[in-house]
Protein backbone atom coordinates (compact mmCIF):
# COMPACT_ATOMS: atom_id res chain seq x y z
CA UNK A 1 -39.57 193.66 103.71
CA UNK A 2 -35.99 193.98 105.19
CA UNK A 3 -35.23 191.22 107.32
CA UNK A 4 -32.26 191.50 110.38
CA UNK A 5 -30.53 188.89 112.48
CA UNK A 6 -30.03 189.89 115.85
CA UNK A 7 -27.46 187.82 118.31
CA UNK A 8 -25.93 188.36 121.48
CA UNK A 9 -21.56 187.12 122.24
CA UNK A 10 -22.89 186.00 125.74
CA UNK A 11 -24.35 183.32 127.07
CA UNK A 12 -24.63 184.10 130.39
CA UNK A 13 -27.70 184.36 132.45
CA UNK A 14 -28.80 187.88 133.34
CA UNK A 15 -26.14 189.25 130.38
CA UNK A 16 -26.69 192.87 129.94
CA UNK A 17 -25.72 192.35 126.32
CA UNK A 18 -28.87 190.49 125.92
CA UNK A 19 -30.66 193.34 127.41
CA UNK A 20 -28.76 195.63 124.68
CA UNK A 21 -29.96 192.54 121.83
CA UNK A 22 -33.25 192.69 122.90
CA UNK A 23 -33.81 196.61 122.73
CA UNK A 24 -31.63 196.82 119.28
CA UNK A 25 -34.17 193.92 118.24
CA UNK A 26 -37.64 196.32 119.41
CA UNK A 27 -35.98 199.00 117.61
CA UNK A 28 -35.45 197.81 114.20
CA UNK A 29 -39.00 196.00 114.23
CA UNK A 30 -40.27 199.87 115.43
CA UNK A 31 -38.45 200.87 112.03
CA UNK A 32 -40.24 198.15 110.06
CA UNK A 33 -37.56 195.34 109.91
CA UNK A 34 -38.37 191.72 110.44
CA UNK A 35 -36.24 190.67 113.22
CA UNK A 36 -35.11 187.18 113.82
CA UNK A 37 -33.62 186.68 117.60
CA UNK A 38 -30.94 184.15 117.59
CA UNK A 39 -29.05 182.48 120.13
CA UNK A 40 -25.55 181.57 119.69
CA UNK A 41 -26.39 178.67 122.33
CA UNK A 42 -28.36 177.00 119.70
CA UNK A 43 -25.31 176.89 117.24
CA UNK A 44 -22.86 174.55 119.29
CA UNK A 45 -19.16 174.61 117.84
CA UNK A 46 -16.39 173.00 118.73
CA UNK A 47 -13.06 175.14 119.21
CA UNK A 48 -12.28 175.92 115.68
CA UNK A 49 -9.43 173.62 114.45
CA UNK A 50 -8.57 173.78 110.72
CA UNK A 51 -7.56 169.95 111.01
CA UNK A 52 -11.37 169.37 111.58
CA UNK A 53 -11.83 170.87 107.70
CA UNK A 54 -13.73 169.36 105.52
CA UNK A 55 -15.19 166.38 107.18
CA UNK A 56 -16.23 167.24 110.47
CA UNK A 57 -17.38 171.20 110.00
CA UNK A 58 -20.37 171.36 112.41
CA UNK A 59 -23.86 171.69 110.72
CA UNK A 60 -24.39 174.47 113.00
CA UNK A 61 -21.77 176.83 111.25
CA UNK A 62 -23.69 176.52 107.86
CA UNK A 63 -27.29 176.73 109.60
CA UNK A 64 -25.59 180.21 110.79
CA UNK A 65 -23.98 181.19 107.88
CA UNK A 66 -26.81 180.64 105.57
CA UNK A 67 -28.97 182.83 108.33
CA UNK A 68 -26.19 185.59 107.78
CA UNK A 69 -26.62 185.19 103.95
CA UNK A 70 -30.22 185.32 103.80
CA UNK A 71 -30.60 188.49 106.15
CA UNK A 72 -30.36 191.94 105.48
CA UNK A 73 -28.90 193.22 108.49
CA UNK A 74 -26.84 191.36 111.49
CA UNK A 75 -26.67 193.27 114.82
CA UNK A 76 -24.15 191.26 117.50
CA UNK A 77 -24.39 192.77 120.88
CA UNK A 78 -21.08 191.63 122.65
CA UNK A 79 -19.16 191.85 126.54
CA UNK A 80 -15.51 192.92 126.37
CA UNK A 81 -13.06 190.02 127.63
CA UNK A 82 -9.52 191.88 129.17
CA UNK A 83 -10.10 194.78 126.50
CA UNK A 84 -10.36 191.87 123.70
CA UNK A 85 -13.26 190.14 121.78
CA UNK A 86 -14.78 187.20 123.96
CA UNK A 87 -14.09 183.61 122.84
CA UNK A 88 -17.46 183.07 122.06
CA UNK A 89 -17.70 185.54 119.31
CA UNK A 90 -13.97 184.99 117.96
CA UNK A 91 -14.64 181.22 117.63
CA UNK A 92 -18.06 181.94 115.96
CA UNK A 93 -16.60 184.56 113.58
CA UNK A 94 -13.88 181.82 112.78
CA UNK A 95 -16.15 178.84 111.45
CA UNK A 96 -18.30 181.53 109.53
CA UNK A 97 -15.57 182.77 108.06
CA UNK A 98 -14.43 179.50 106.09
CA UNK A 99 -18.05 178.63 104.78
CA UNK A 100 -18.53 179.62 101.30
CA UNK A 101 -19.88 181.75 100.11
CA UNK A 102 -18.90 184.41 102.56
CA UNK A 103 -22.09 185.10 105.41
CA UNK A 104 -20.61 188.26 105.37
CA UNK A 105 -20.48 189.83 102.06
CA UNK A 106 -24.50 190.41 102.05
CA UNK A 107 -26.08 192.00 105.24
CA UNK A 108 -24.69 195.17 107.08
CA UNK A 109 -23.43 194.61 110.42
CA UNK A 110 -23.92 196.41 113.88
CA UNK A 111 -22.00 195.99 116.42
CA UNK A 112 -22.15 197.09 120.38
CA UNK A 113 -21.94 195.97 123.61
CA UNK A 114 -22.13 196.59 127.27
CA UNK A 115 -19.50 196.78 130.05
CA UNK A 116 -18.83 197.20 133.94
CA UNK A 117 -15.98 199.90 132.48
CA UNK A 118 -16.63 203.28 131.67
CA UNK A 119 -15.00 202.69 128.11
CA UNK A 120 -18.04 200.58 127.42
CA UNK A 121 -16.68 197.68 125.29
CA UNK A 122 -15.14 200.12 123.15
CA UNK A 123 -11.84 198.38 122.76
CA UNK A 124 -13.73 195.18 122.08
CA UNK A 125 -15.72 196.66 119.31
CA UNK A 126 -12.54 198.26 117.58
CA UNK A 127 -11.07 194.69 117.15
CA UNK A 128 -14.44 193.32 115.85
CA UNK A 129 -15.10 196.02 113.27
CA UNK A 130 -11.17 195.51 112.21
CA UNK A 131 -11.88 191.65 112.30
CA UNK A 132 -14.74 191.62 110.33
CA UNK A 133 -13.86 194.39 107.81
CA UNK A 134 -11.26 192.17 106.97
CA UNK A 135 -13.50 189.00 106.23
CA UNK A 136 -15.67 191.25 103.88
CA UNK A 137 -18.21 192.53 106.48
CA UNK A 138 -19.58 196.03 105.95
CA UNK A 139 -20.12 197.58 109.71
CA UNK A 140 -22.11 200.54 110.08
CA UNK A 141 -19.57 203.57 111.64
CA UNK A 142 -21.75 203.94 114.77
CA UNK A 143 -20.05 201.71 117.73
CA UNK A 144 -22.37 201.29 120.62
CA UNK A 145 -20.60 200.99 123.59
CA UNK A 146 -22.03 201.14 126.62
CA UNK A 147 -20.77 201.42 130.24
CA UNK A 148 -20.80 201.21 132.76
CA UNK A 149 -23.31 198.51 132.92
CA UNK A 150 -24.84 199.27 136.49
CA UNK A 151 -27.73 201.54 135.69
CA UNK A 152 -27.54 201.60 132.08
CA UNK A 153 -30.91 199.98 131.83
CA UNK A 154 -34.01 200.70 133.06
CA UNK A 155 -36.66 197.83 134.27
CA UNK A 156 -37.94 197.65 130.85
CA UNK A 157 -34.98 197.50 128.98
CA UNK A 158 -34.24 200.79 127.67
CA UNK A 159 -31.17 202.97 128.10
CA UNK A 160 -31.23 205.33 130.46
CA UNK A 161 -28.74 208.01 129.37
CA UNK A 162 -30.18 210.20 126.58
CA UNK A 163 -26.73 210.06 124.72
CA UNK A 164 -27.00 206.22 124.26
CA UNK A 165 -30.73 206.35 123.15
CA UNK A 166 -29.32 208.81 120.39
CA UNK A 167 -26.88 206.54 119.16
CA UNK A 168 -29.10 203.59 119.58
CA UNK A 169 -31.17 205.74 116.92
CA UNK A 170 -28.21 206.41 114.91
CA UNK A 171 -27.34 202.95 114.28
CA UNK A 172 -30.95 201.66 113.48
CA UNK A 173 -30.68 204.69 111.16
CA UNK A 174 -27.40 203.61 109.52
CA UNK A 175 -28.67 200.08 109.56
CA UNK A 176 -32.06 200.62 108.00
CA UNK A 177 -30.33 203.12 105.04
CA UNK A 178 -26.99 201.37 104.20
CA UNK A 179 -26.93 198.86 101.41
CA UNK A 180 -24.43 196.66 100.24
CA UNK A 181 -25.97 197.63 96.91
CA UNK A 182 -26.70 193.85 95.78
CA UNK A 183 -23.09 192.51 96.15
């Protein structure tokens, strides 16, 4: 059975990105994928500083890197801060990118996000796709930007807009059909 990790790039209580993460977990599960729901709160890492290497690399970075390596799919729901990738996500990627072997060269990655603006994290997702690609990740074509966040999901955590439902289904199809080819 294929496996997936889902993560949220926000630790805030009531995060709409956590709602998206849960929704994607459910959709991947419906597609026959065994899903591990992880929280970045469980992987505490100091602000990246190369002077901490090699003796003080956080164990949580090594644990999360191993989780990435051992799964076929990684989905990250992330907010957008000032048109860019939030610090929690940037710091996580910085630490993981230093792990050997690379945790970005096995799984297929999907990225999405929800924001209060009408562009729905598309700027952040574009930056994130570029960063992930430069470190060897295979990111599926669909960018799942949802906005504005007010009213984007119903009380059951389902996307309200039919167009978003179609994009979710497209991303699940891509995540379950794309492959690294055993790399």
